[in-house]
Each structure stands twice: as structure tokens, then as C-alpha cells.
């Protein structure tokens, strides 16, 4: 159990470097940058934003 807690804390420290660095697949790198982090600044429709907020609760 202590090992899992340690690994989780270690994960929290490394999650800050998530901007796609270390992803070797070009397709996955593009997906992370364009979709997950919205690097192009595309505005989403309100219905999608509301659904996202509902799912996050």
C-alpha cells in the first residue's frame, strides 16, 4: 500500500511535463496538442461545454 502512495505522489510530480513531450507517435502527439490541449484556440459549442462540465462533476 505504501508503494502505491509513493508511485501516485511521483506521478503527480511528473504530470506537469505532459504537453506532449515524450510522445513518440506523431499521430498521438498531434491529437494531444490539437484536441486535448486545444492549441489552435478553437471555440467549442455551448452544448459540448455543458456536457463536459456535467461529466466532470
C-alpha atoms as a PDB file:
ATOM      1  CA  UNK A   1       0.000   0.000   0.000  1.00  0.00           C
ATOM      2  CA  UNK A   2       2.826   2.417   0.813  1.00  0.00           C
ATOM      3  CA  UNK A   3       4.345   1.655  -2.587  1.00  0.00           C
ATOM      4  CA  UNK A   4       1.157   2.768  -4.366  1.00  0.00           C
ATOM      5  CA  UNK A   5       1.034   6.014  -2.417  1.00  0.00           C
ATOM      6  CA  UNK A   6       4.670   6.695  -3.312  1.00  0.00           C
ATOM      7  CA  UNK A   7       4.031   5.966  -7.001  1.00  0.00           C
ATOM      8  CA  UNK A   8       0.991   8.269  -7.018  1.00  0.00           C
ATOM      9  CA  UNK A   9       2.979  11.136  -5.493  1.00  0.00           C
ATOM     10  CA  UNK A  10       5.754  10.517  -8.007  1.00  0.00           C
ATOM     11  CA  UNK A  11       3.150  10.627 -10.797  1.00  0.00           C
ATOM     12  CA  UNK A  12       1.867  13.997  -9.555  1.00  0.00           C
ATOM     13  CA  UNK A  13       5.349  15.485  -9.823  1.00  0.00           C
ATOM     14  CA  UNK A  14       5.848  14.199 -13.364  1.00  0.00           C
ATOM     15  CA  UNK A  15       2.404  15.110 -14.712  1.00  0.00           C
ATOM     16  CA  UNK A  16       3.495  18.731 -15.222  1.00  0.00           C
ATOM     17  CA  UNK A  17       5.566  17.651 -18.232  1.00  0.00           C
ATOM     18  CA  UNK A  18       2.525  16.465 -20.115  1.00  0.00           C
ATOM     19  CA  UNK A  19       2.416  18.909 -23.035  1.00  0.00           C
ATOM     20  CA  UNK A  20       3.177  16.090 -25.428  1.00  0.00           C
ATOM     21  CA  UNK A  21       6.879  15.810 -24.777  1.00  0.00           C
ATOM     22  CA  UNK A  22       7.897  12.191 -24.698  1.00  0.00           C
ATOM     23  CA  UNK A  23       5.103  11.034 -27.024  1.00  0.00           C
ATOM     24  CA  UNK A  24       6.839   9.246 -29.873  1.00  0.00           C
ATOM     25  CA  UNK A  25       3.894   8.625 -32.158  1.00  0.00           C
ATOM     26  CA  UNK A  26       3.365  11.645 -34.452  1.00  0.00           C
ATOM     27  CA  UNK A  27      -0.366  10.922 -34.649  1.00  0.00           C
ATOM     28  CA  UNK A  28      -0.773  10.758 -30.903  1.00  0.00           C
ATOM     29  CA  UNK A  29       1.374  13.888 -30.426  1.00  0.00           C
ATOM     30  CA  UNK A  30      -0.858  15.799 -32.855  1.00  0.00           C
ATOM     31  CA  UNK A  31      -4.001  14.507 -31.098  1.00  0.00           C
ATOM     32  CA  UNK A  32      -2.706  15.618 -27.693  1.00  0.00           C
ATOM     33  CA  UNK A  33      -1.717  19.071 -28.931  1.00  0.00           C
ATOM     34  CA  UNK A  34      -4.720  19.841 -31.114  1.00  0.00           C
ATOM     35  CA  UNK A  35      -7.556  18.088 -29.304  1.00  0.00           C
ATOM     36  CA  UNK A  36      -6.700  17.668 -25.646  1.00  0.00           C
ATOM     37  CA  UNK A  37      -4.851  20.960 -25.168  1.00  0.00           C
ATOM     38  CA  UNK A  38      -6.704  22.920 -27.897  1.00  0.00           C
ATOM     39  CA  UNK A  39      -3.523  24.585 -29.175  1.00  0.00           C
ATOM     40  CA  UNK A  40      -5.390  26.203 -32.062  1.00  0.00           C
ATOM     41  CA  UNK A  41      -7.829  28.002 -29.742  1.00  0.00           C
ATOM     42  CA  UNK A  42     -10.988  26.629 -31.350  1.00  0.00           C
ATOM     43  CA  UNK A  43     -14.180  27.697 -29.573  1.00  0.00           C
ATOM     44  CA  UNK A  44     -16.446  24.810 -28.679  1.00  0.00           C
ATOM     45  CA  UNK A  45     -20.240  24.947 -28.992  1.00  0.00           C
ATOM     46  CA  UNK A  46     -22.063  25.589 -25.692  1.00  0.00           C
ATOM     47  CA  UNK A  47     -23.739  22.170 -25.806  1.00  0.00           C
ATOM     48  CA  UNK A  48     -20.347  20.423 -25.761  1.00  0.00           C
ATOM     49  CA  UNK A  49     -19.057  22.684 -22.985  1.00  0.00           C
ATOM     50  CA  UNK A  50     -22.150  21.967 -20.876  1.00  0.00           C
ATOM     51  CA  UNK A  51     -21.781  18.233 -21.400  1.00  0.00           C
ATOM     52  CA  UNK A  52     -18.094  18.437 -20.451  1.00  0.00           C
ATOM     53  CA  UNK A  53     -18.911  20.321 -17.254  1.00  0.00           C
ATOM     54  CA  UNK A  54     -21.645  17.811 -16.413  1.00  0.00           C
ATOM     55  CA  UNK A  55     -19.270  14.875 -16.869  1.00  0.00           C
ATOM     56  CA  UNK A  56     -16.532  16.493 -14.763  1.00  0.00           C
ATOM     57  CA  UNK A  57     -18.778  16.759 -11.713  1.00  0.00           C
END
